Protein backbone atom coordinates (compact mmCIF):
# COMPACT_ATOMS: atom_id res chain seq x y z
CA MET A 1 79.14 107.33 89.50
CA GLU A 2 80.78 108.09 86.17
CA ALA A 3 83.12 110.98 85.36
CA LYS A 4 83.81 113.06 82.30
CA VAL A 5 87.45 114.11 81.90
CA ILE A 6 87.80 117.69 80.64
CA GLU A 7 90.55 120.25 80.11
CA LYS A 8 90.14 123.70 81.67
CA GLY A 9 92.26 126.80 81.50
CA GLN A 10 93.22 129.07 84.37
CA ILE A 11 90.36 129.95 86.73
CA ILE A 12 90.49 133.31 88.56
CA LEU A 13 88.19 133.57 91.58
CA VAL A 14 87.42 136.41 94.00
CA GLY A 15 85.73 135.71 97.31
CA PHE A 16 86.26 134.84 100.96
CA SER A 17 88.04 131.97 102.71
CA PHE A 18 88.27 130.07 105.99
CA PHE A 19 91.08 127.88 107.33
CA GLY A 20 90.55 125.22 109.99
CA ASP A 21 88.16 122.31 110.48
CA PRO A 22 84.94 123.51 108.80
CA PHE A 23 82.96 120.60 110.27
CA ALA A 24 84.13 120.93 113.90
CA GLU A 25 80.74 122.22 115.05
CA SER A 26 78.43 120.49 112.61
CA GLY A 27 78.89 118.20 109.61
CA GLY A 28 76.93 117.91 106.41
CA TRP A 29 74.98 120.49 104.47
CA THR A 30 74.00 123.11 107.03
CA GLU A 31 74.31 126.84 107.66
CA GLU A 32 75.50 126.07 111.21
CA ASN A 33 79.12 125.23 110.37
CA GLU A 34 82.01 127.32 109.06
CA ILE A 35 81.15 126.61 105.43
CA GLY A 36 77.59 127.77 105.97
CA ARG A 37 78.80 130.95 107.68
CA LEU A 38 81.31 131.55 104.89
CA TRP A 39 78.54 131.38 102.29
CA SER A 40 76.38 133.73 104.41
CA ARG A 41 79.22 136.24 104.52
CA PHE A 42 79.74 135.98 100.76
CA GLU A 43 76.04 136.31 99.96
CA ALA A 44 75.74 139.32 102.26
CA PHE A 45 78.57 141.01 100.34
CA LEU A 46 76.87 140.25 97.02
CA ALA A 47 73.57 141.65 98.27
CA ASP A 48 75.24 144.90 99.23
CA ARG A 49 78.10 145.34 96.75
CA ARG A 50 77.72 142.98 93.78
CA ASP A 51 78.32 145.89 91.39
CA SER A 52 81.82 146.37 92.84
CA ILE A 53 82.93 143.03 91.37
CA LYS A 54 84.11 143.80 87.87
CA HIS A 55 84.68 141.45 84.93
CA LEU A 56 82.38 138.68 86.25
CA LYS A 57 82.40 135.73 83.90
CA SER A 58 78.90 134.59 84.92
CA GLU A 59 76.33 136.04 87.29
CA ALA A 60 74.78 132.60 87.84
CA VAL A 61 77.82 130.49 88.79
CA ALA A 62 79.61 130.30 92.16
CA TYR A 63 82.45 128.10 93.37
CA GLU A 64 83.46 126.37 96.59
CA VAL A 65 87.09 125.23 96.65
CA HIS A 66 88.54 122.89 99.29
CA VAL A 67 92.33 123.04 99.55
CA GLU A 68 93.96 120.29 101.60
CA SER A 69 96.81 121.02 104.02
CA ALA A 70 99.39 118.95 105.87
CA GLU A 71 96.87 118.78 108.74
CA THR A 72 93.84 117.68 106.75
CA ALA A 73 94.27 113.98 107.49
CA SER A 74 95.13 114.37 111.19
CA LYS A 75 93.03 117.37 112.25
CA GLY A 76 90.62 118.02 109.41
CA HIS A 77 92.19 121.44 108.75
CA ARG A 78 91.81 122.80 105.24
CA GLU A 79 91.15 126.05 103.42
CA VAL A 80 87.63 126.57 102.11
CA PHE A 81 87.22 129.35 99.54
CA VAL A 82 83.88 130.53 98.17
CA GLY A 83 83.64 133.02 95.34
CA MET A 84 82.87 133.79 91.71
CA GLU A 85 84.93 133.65 88.56
CA VAL A 86 86.26 136.83 86.95
CA GLU A 87 87.98 137.31 83.61
CA ALA A 88 90.50 139.84 84.96
CA LEU A 89 91.72 141.07 88.35
CA GLU A 90 91.58 144.78 87.64
CA ASP A 91 89.46 146.69 90.17
CA ALA A 92 88.78 143.63 92.38
CA PRO A 93 87.19 144.74 95.71
CA PHE A 94 89.93 145.13 98.34
CA GLU A 95 87.82 143.22 100.91
CA MET A 96 87.97 140.10 98.77
CA LEU A 97 90.70 137.50 98.40
CA VAL A 98 91.90 136.11 95.08
CA LYS A 99 92.31 132.42 94.23
CA ILE A 100 93.99 131.48 90.94
CA LEU A 101 93.60 127.85 89.89
CA PRO A 102 96.06 126.56 87.27
CA PRO A 103 95.10 125.18 83.86
CA THR A 104 94.75 121.43 84.22
CA ARG A 105 92.71 118.35 83.47
CA TYR A 106 89.64 117.70 85.63
CA ALA A 107 87.44 114.72 86.33
CA LEU A 108 83.92 116.15 86.27
CA PHE A 109 81.31 114.36 88.41
CA THR A 110 77.66 115.43 88.17
CA LEU A 111 75.79 114.70 91.41
CA LYS A 112 72.01 114.63 91.50
CA GLY A 113 69.56 114.56 94.39
CA GLU A 114 70.54 112.26 97.24
CA GLN A 115 74.02 111.77 95.75
CA ILE A 116 74.89 115.32 96.87
CA ALA A 117 74.50 114.53 100.57
CA SER A 118 76.21 111.13 100.29
CA ASP A 119 79.87 110.39 101.03
CA TRP A 120 80.90 110.74 97.41
CA SER A 121 84.60 111.21 98.15
CA SER A 122 85.16 107.43 98.51
CA THR A 123 83.29 106.80 95.26
CA ILE A 124 85.50 109.34 93.49
CA GLY A 125 88.58 107.66 94.94
CA GLN A 126 87.43 104.27 93.66
CA TRP A 127 86.81 105.74 90.18
CA MET A 128 90.30 107.25 90.13
CA LEU A 129 91.86 103.94 91.11
CA LYS A 130 90.05 102.05 88.35
CA ALA A 131 90.50 104.74 85.71
CA GLY A 132 94.22 105.16 86.36
CA TYR A 133 94.21 108.74 87.62
CA GLU A 134 95.62 110.44 90.71
CA PRO A 135 95.20 113.98 92.09
CA ALA A 136 97.08 116.59 90.08
CA TYR A 137 96.69 119.16 92.86
CA ALA A 138 95.51 119.06 96.48
CA TYR A 139 92.19 120.80 95.93
CA GLY A 140 88.69 120.07 94.68
CA ILE A 141 85.98 122.32 93.26
CA GLN A 142 82.23 122.36 93.79
CA ARG A 143 80.54 124.38 91.04
CA TYR A 144 77.06 125.81 91.69
CA ASP A 145 74.79 127.08 88.94
CA GLU A 146 71.05 127.55 88.47
CA ARG A 147 70.50 123.79 88.82
CA PHE A 148 71.43 123.90 92.51
CA LYS A 149 68.22 124.70 94.43
CA GLY A 150 69.73 125.25 97.89
CA VAL A 151 70.65 123.17 100.94
CA ASP A 152 66.97 122.85 101.86
CA ASN A 153 66.14 121.29 98.50
CA LEU A 154 69.01 118.93 97.71
CA ALA A 155 66.58 116.35 96.33
CA GLU A 156 65.87 118.62 93.35
CA SER A 157 69.42 119.89 92.94
CA VAL A 158 72.36 119.18 90.65
CA LEU A 159 75.97 119.85 91.71
CA GLU A 160 79.16 119.61 89.70
CA VAL A 161 82.35 118.38 91.41
CA HIS A 162 85.64 119.02 89.61
CA VAL A 163 88.73 117.08 90.73
CA PRO A 164 92.10 117.99 89.16
CA VAL A 165 93.65 114.76 87.88
CA LYS A 166 96.63 113.41 86.02
CA ARG A 167 97.42 110.02 84.63
CA VAL A 168 99.15 107.72 87.09
CA GLU A 169 102.74 107.05 86.18
CA ARG A 170 102.70 103.29 86.38
CA VAL A 171 105.88 101.50 87.33
CA SER A 172 104.47 98.07 86.52
CA PRO A 173 102.13 96.75 83.83
CA ASP A 174 100.24 94.57 86.34
CA GLY A 175 97.73 97.20 87.45
CA ASP A 176 95.62 96.81 90.58
CA LYS A 177 97.45 93.91 92.22
CA ALA A 178 97.92 95.16 95.79
CA LEU A 179 95.47 92.73 97.37
CA ASP A 180 96.94 89.77 95.51
CA PHE A 181 100.44 90.94 96.38
CA VAL A 182 99.57 90.92 100.10
CA GLU A 183 98.26 87.35 99.84
CA ASP A 184 101.34 86.15 98.01
CA ASN A 185 103.63 87.72 100.61
CA LEU A 186 101.94 87.24 103.98
CA LYS A 187 105.00 85.34 105.18
CA GLU A 188 107.55 87.60 103.48
CA GLU A 189 109.22 90.83 104.57
CA ILE A 190 107.41 93.52 102.57
CA ALA A 191 106.88 97.27 102.91
CA ILE A 192 104.05 99.57 101.85
CA ALA A 193 106.26 100.78 99.00
CA ASP A 194 106.36 97.20 97.72
CA MET A 195 102.55 97.05 97.74
CA ALA A 196 102.39 100.35 95.83
CA HIS A 197 104.93 99.08 93.28
CA ALA A 198 102.96 95.87 92.78
CA ALA A 199 99.81 97.91 92.18
CA GLY A 200 101.62 100.10 89.68
CA TYR A 201 101.07 103.42 91.48
CA SER A 202 103.16 106.05 93.18
CA LEU A 203 103.45 105.60 96.96
CA TYR A 204 101.56 108.86 97.57
CA HIS A 205 98.63 107.94 95.35
CA PHE A 206 98.54 104.33 96.53
CA SER A 207 98.45 105.12 100.27
CA ARG A 208 95.69 107.73 99.97
CA THR A 209 93.57 105.71 97.57
CA PHE A 210 93.97 102.38 99.38
CA ASN A 211 92.81 103.95 102.65
CA ARG A 212 89.81 105.56 100.99
CA VAL A 213 88.72 102.52 98.99
CA VAL A 214 89.62 99.61 101.30
CA HIS A 215 88.69 101.51 104.51
CA HIS A 216 91.97 100.34 106.06
CA THR A 217 95.45 101.78 105.78
CA PRO A 218 97.80 99.48 103.85
CA HIS A 219 99.67 98.66 107.08
CA ASP A 220 96.47 97.92 109.01
CA TYR A 221 95.16 95.63 106.26
CA LEU A 222 98.46 93.75 106.05
CA MET A 223 98.64 93.29 109.85
CA ARG A 224 95.02 92.13 110.08
CA ARG A 225 95.52 89.58 107.33
CA ARG A 226 98.68 88.25 108.96
CA LEU A 227 97.11 88.06 112.41
CA SER A 228 93.97 86.38 111.03
CA GLU A 229 95.93 83.69 109.20
CA SER A 230 98.14 83.14 112.25
CA ALA A 231 94.98 82.74 114.35
CA ARG A 232 93.79 80.02 111.99
CA ASP A 233 97.15 78.29 112.14
CA LEU A 234 97.10 78.27 115.94
CA VAL A 235 93.89 76.22 116.07
CA GLU A 236 94.27 74.18 112.89
CA THR A 237 97.88 73.03 113.31
CA ASN A 238 100.16 71.84 116.10
CA ARG A 239 102.81 74.46 115.44
CA ARG A 240 104.30 76.37 118.35
CA ILE A 241 103.23 79.98 118.95
CA ILE A 242 106.78 81.27 118.45
CA ASP A 243 107.05 79.48 115.09
CA VAL A 244 103.73 80.91 113.91
CA ALA A 245 104.82 84.39 115.01
CA PHE A 246 108.04 84.19 113.03
CA ASP A 247 106.21 82.71 110.03
CA TYR A 248 104.13 85.88 109.74
CA ARG A 249 107.13 88.21 110.11
CA PHE A 250 106.67 89.29 113.74
CA ASN A 251 110.14 89.90 115.13
CA SER A 252 109.44 88.55 118.63
CA PRO A 253 106.78 86.56 120.51
CA GLU A 254 106.09 89.65 122.63
CA THR A 255 105.34 91.81 119.60
CA PHE A 256 103.10 89.09 118.20
CA SER A 257 101.23 88.66 121.51
CA ARG A 258 100.57 92.39 121.88
CA ALA A 259 99.25 92.72 118.33
CA PHE A 260 97.21 89.52 118.65
CA LYS A 261 95.53 90.59 121.89
CA ARG A 262 94.83 94.06 120.50
CA MET A 263 92.93 92.52 117.59
CA PHE A 264 91.22 89.54 119.26
CA GLY A 265 91.15 90.45 122.96
CA LEU A 266 92.95 87.23 123.85
CA GLN A 267 96.55 86.10 124.09
CA PRO A 268 97.70 83.60 121.43
CA SER A 269 98.12 80.95 124.15
CA GLY A 270 94.52 81.39 125.27
CA TRP A 271 93.28 81.32 121.68
CA LYS A 272 95.17 78.10 120.98
CA ALA A 273 94.00 76.52 124.25
CA GLN A 274 90.29 77.11 123.54
CA GLY A 275 90.73 75.47 120.15
CA TRP A 276 88.45 77.75 118.12
CA GLY A 277 87.97 81.35 117.10
CA ASP A 278 84.99 83.31 115.83
CA GLU A 279 85.45 83.25 112.07
CA ARG A 280 83.45 86.46 111.65
CA PHE A 281 86.28 88.53 113.13
CA LEU A 282 89.12 87.02 111.12
CA MET A 283 90.05 89.34 108.27
CA CYS A 284 89.37 87.33 105.13
CA ARG A 285 91.12 87.76 101.81
CA TRP A 286 89.38 90.79 100.33
CA THR A 287 88.57 90.84 96.64
CA LEU A 288 87.53 93.44 94.10
CA GLU A 289 83.95 92.35 94.84
CA HIS A 290 84.44 93.51 98.44
CA LEU A 291 85.76 96.88 97.30
CA GLU A 292 82.97 97.45 94.80
CA HIS A 293 80.36 96.46 97.38
CA ILE A 294 81.53 98.70 100.23
CA ASN A 295 81.98 101.71 97.93
CA ARG A 296 78.57 101.65 96.27
CA GLY A 297 77.42 104.52 98.50
CA ASP A 298 77.02 105.44 102.15
CA HIS A 299 74.40 102.76 102.94
CA LEU A 300 76.92 100.83 105.05
CA LYS A 301 77.29 103.75 107.46
CA PRO A 302 75.29 102.44 110.43
CA VAL A 303 72.68 104.19 112.51
CA SER A 304 72.51 103.44 116.25
CA GLN A 305 68.98 102.38 117.13
CA GLU A 306 67.30 101.41 120.40
CA LYS A 307 64.78 98.64 119.81
CA ASP A 308 62.24 97.27 122.29
CA ALA A 309 61.78 93.55 122.77
CA PHE A 310 59.64 91.98 120.06
CA GLN A 311 58.34 88.57 119.11
CA VAL A 312 58.76 86.54 115.95
CA ALA A 313 57.25 83.25 114.85
CA GLY A 314 58.92 80.99 112.33
CA VAL A 315 60.90 77.84 111.65
CA MET A 316 64.51 77.15 112.56
CA THR A 317 67.29 74.79 111.62
CA LEU A 318 71.00 74.25 112.17
CA VAL A 319 72.96 75.51 109.14
CA GLN A 320 76.49 74.35 108.51
CA ASN A 321 78.56 75.06 105.41
CA ARG A 322 75.82 74.21 102.94
CA GLN A 323 72.92 76.65 102.53
CA GLU A 324 70.40 74.49 100.69
CA ALA A 325 68.12 74.25 103.73
CA ILE A 326 67.35 77.99 103.83
CA PRO A 327 65.08 78.26 100.73
CA GLN A 328 63.15 75.24 102.02
CA LEU A 329 62.64 77.02 105.34
CA TRP A 330 60.97 79.95 103.59
CA LYS A 331 58.58 77.57 101.82
CA MET A 332 57.73 75.92 105.15
CA LEU A 333 57.13 79.34 106.72
CA ALA A 334 54.70 80.34 103.96
CA GLN A 335 52.75 77.10 104.44
CA GLU A 336 52.57 77.47 108.20
CA LEU A 337 51.62 81.14 108.08
CA ALA A 338 48.42 80.53 106.13
CA PRO A 339 46.29 79.71 109.23
CA VAL A 340 47.64 82.63 111.29
CA GLU A 341 47.84 85.46 108.75
CA GLY A 342 46.10 88.64 109.81
CA SER A 343 46.10 90.88 112.81
CA ARG A 344 48.48 88.72 114.85
CA THR A 345 51.41 89.32 112.48
CA ASP A 346 53.05 92.68 111.84
CA GLY A 347 53.90 91.71 108.25
CA ASN A 348 57.69 92.05 108.54
CA TYR A 349 59.86 89.14 107.48
CA TYR A 350 63.08 88.35 109.33
CA GLY A 351 66.11 86.12 108.96
CA LEU A 352 67.72 85.57 112.37
CA THR A 353 71.10 83.96 112.94
CA TRP A 354 72.44 82.76 116.30
CA TYR A 355 76.17 82.08 116.46
CA PRO A 356 77.11 79.52 119.16
CA GLN A 357 80.67 78.94 120.26
CA ASP A 358 82.77 77.24 117.60
CA TRP A 359 79.95 77.82 115.11
CA LYS A 360 82.25 77.36 112.10
CA ALA A 361 82.62 73.67 113.00
CA ARG A 362 79.28 73.07 114.70
CA GLY A 363 77.05 75.24 112.52
CA ARG A 364 74.84 78.22 113.33
CA PHE A 365 71.12 78.38 114.05
CA TYR A 366 69.07 80.12 111.39
CA MET A 367 65.42 81.10 111.73
CA VAL A 368 63.08 82.48 109.09
CA ALA A 369 60.23 84.30 110.74
CA VAL A 370 57.55 86.93 110.68
CA GLY A 371 56.99 89.49 113.40
CA VAL A 372 53.95 88.74 115.57
CA GLU A 373 51.97 91.11 117.76
CA SER A 374 50.80 88.27 119.98
CA PRO A 375 51.97 84.65 120.25
CA GLY A 376 48.67 83.20 119.02
CA VAL A 377 50.20 80.57 116.79
CA THR A 378 49.89 77.57 119.07
CA GLY A 379 47.94 75.61 116.47
CA SER A 380 50.81 75.64 113.98
CA ALA A 381 54.32 74.23 113.80
CA LEU A 382 55.84 77.71 114.16
CA VAL A 383 58.30 78.43 116.93
CA VAL A 384 57.86 81.70 118.83
CA LYS A 385 60.94 83.60 119.98
CA THR A 386 61.19 86.80 122.00
CA ILE A 387 64.02 89.01 120.79
CA PRO A 388 65.32 91.00 123.77
CA ALA A 389 65.46 94.78 123.88
CA SER A 390 68.85 96.06 122.78
CA ARG A 391 70.75 98.82 121.09
CA TYR A 392 71.51 97.92 117.49
CA ALA A 393 73.78 99.15 114.74
CA ARG A 394 71.48 99.26 111.72
CA PHE A 395 73.07 98.80 108.29
CA ILE A 396 71.38 98.85 104.89
CA HIS A 397 72.38 95.91 102.70
CA LYS A 398 72.15 96.52 98.95
CA GLY A 399 72.78 93.74 96.47
CA SER A 400 71.89 90.10 96.02
CA CYS A 401 71.47 87.52 98.77
CA GLU A 402 74.91 86.17 97.88
CA ASP A 403 76.35 89.65 98.48
CA LEU A 404 75.24 89.52 102.12
CA LYS A 405 78.58 87.90 102.96
CA LEU A 406 80.31 91.05 101.69
CA THR A 407 78.17 93.18 104.01
CA ARG A 408 78.93 90.87 106.94
CA ASP A 409 82.66 90.97 106.21
CA TYR A 410 82.59 94.77 106.30
CA ILE A 411 80.57 94.89 109.53
CA TYR A 412 82.63 92.41 111.56
CA GLN A 413 86.08 92.94 110.06
CA THR A 414 86.14 96.68 109.37
CA TRP A 415 83.39 98.65 111.08
CA LEU A 416 83.14 96.88 114.45
CA PRO A 417 86.89 96.87 115.27
CA LYS A 418 87.03 100.64 114.70
CA SER A 419 83.70 101.58 116.30
CA GLY A 420 84.45 101.36 120.01
CA GLU A 421 81.50 98.96 120.28
CA SER A 422 81.32 95.23 120.96
CA LEU A 423 78.63 92.64 120.33
CA ALA A 424 75.99 92.60 123.06
CA HIS A 425 75.05 89.01 122.20
CA SER A 426 75.49 86.55 119.36
CA LEU A 427 72.33 87.36 117.38
CA GLU A 428 72.24 88.89 113.89
CA ILE A 429 68.96 90.09 112.38
CA ALA A 430 68.11 90.68 108.74
CA CYS A 431 64.83 92.57 108.35
CA TYR A 432 63.39 92.13 104.85
CA GLY A 433 60.35 94.35 105.34
CA ARG A 434 56.87 93.41 104.18
CA GLU A 435 57.88 91.97 100.82
CA LEU A 436 60.43 89.21 100.35
CA ASP A 437 61.94 88.34 97.01
CA ALA A 438 65.30 86.78 97.77
CA ASP A 439 65.87 85.90 94.12
CA GLN A 440 66.24 89.52 93.00
CA ALA A 441 69.72 90.61 91.93
CA ASP A 442 69.46 93.98 93.69
CA VAL A 443 67.55 93.85 96.97
CA GLU A 444 67.66 96.21 99.92
CA TRP A 445 67.08 95.33 103.55
CA GLU A 446 68.23 96.13 107.07
CA VAL A 447 70.91 94.24 108.97
CA LEU A 448 70.79 94.75 112.74
CA ILE A 449 73.75 93.97 115.00
CA PRO A 450 73.22 94.19 118.82
CA ILE A 451 75.96 96.36 120.30
CA GLU A 452 77.21 97.80 123.59
CA ARG A 453 80.05 100.13 124.48
CA MET A 454 83.37 98.43 125.15
C-alpha cells in the first residue's frame, strides 16, 4: 500500500460524536456497533434538516474522524466524529458539534475493495516506519465521497484514509537498526530508550510503531530473544543455569526461572535435563523479511475450524536440515498417482509434517499426499494415513515456498503464545488445493495447525 503525502489547510467539520469503545458490541463494518449507530443518527439528521447546515463545502463528501485518548491502547476508548465540512461556522445547527482540524501534512492512502475491510492500520504503520514519518496528531480521517458504495458493497468501493504525519526527528543516521541492536546487545544492560535511539526515532514513535509492525512490544521481543538464546545455551553447553541467567541480564535465578517457565512451560533445570527443546517455539532473530511478510495484509489472522477425520495417500521421508528430498517426493507422488487418479481422490494436494521429540537433531517426517475418498490404492507404493478429527487454526500463507518459514515463525513464535491455545498434536498441514506449482514466486495456500484450549 503506497501513500501520497499532501498538505491540507484547516478543516472545519460539523456533525455528531461518540466516546468509548465503538467496537465493544461488534467489530468491523456493520450498522450494529456505535459507529454504525452514529452514522444512522447523522444520516437521519441530514434527511430531515440538511438545509439547516450552511456553508457546506461539498454535498457529496462526509468524514469519519477517530481521535485517540489515553485509554485507547488499554480499553479501546476513543472519540469517533462523523460529519461534513463547512467553510464557515456561522449559523451552524445548535444540535451539532464542531470539530476543527489543524492545517498539517497528511499521508493519503487510497483503499479499494477488499483493502477497506482489511487491517490496514498495521500496513500504514509499516509504511510510516520505512518512509521516516510519525503521527503529527493523535487522530485519523476516513473521507467518503461518491466512490464509496456503502458497507454492503465494499468490493466496489473506494475509501480515502488521511493520517496526519510529520518527519521523524532522527537522533542517529543509522535508521532502522532496532532488531540488529537487540542482537548485538542480548547480553548487555539495555533499555527501550536505547533501542529507540539505535533506530533513530523518538521513544514515543518507536514504541507504538514497533508494537504495530513487529506484533510484539519492544520489551516482549527483547525478553523472548534472551530467553530463547538462553534455552539454546542450556542444552548446547555445559554452563550452569545461574551463569546463563546472569549472561542474559536476569538479576536472579528466581527471576530467570519464572520468566523461562512462563515462556516454555518448563523450569530451566527440566529443560536442561531433557537435553532438547522444540526449535519452533524459540524466538529466532527476526529480519526485515519477517516484518514485510507478516505485514502484507490480514491473511495471517487465523480462522478456527473444526475438521473431520480424513484420509490422504502419498509418500513420506525423514527430512533433516537439507530439503533436497522434497521435490523428488512430489515427482514420486505424480508417478504413483497415475494408476489411481479419478473418483478415489478428492484432488487436493497436501504437505504434512510430523515433529517428533528432538526433531531438530533427529529430523522430521514429511509426507506429500493427495486426499483420498477411499483407501483403494493398495496396488501402488503410496502410504495411506488417516488424519484425526481436530480443531485447527487455519492460516493463509502468501509468498514463495521459501517464505513458508516466515509464516511458521509467526505462527509458533508470535500467534500461538498469545492465543490461549496449545498444540493438540505434533502435526502441521499445508493444503495446496487442486493445483500445485511450488516454483511460483507468489503462491497462496492454507496452513492448518491442530489446537486445543490451554
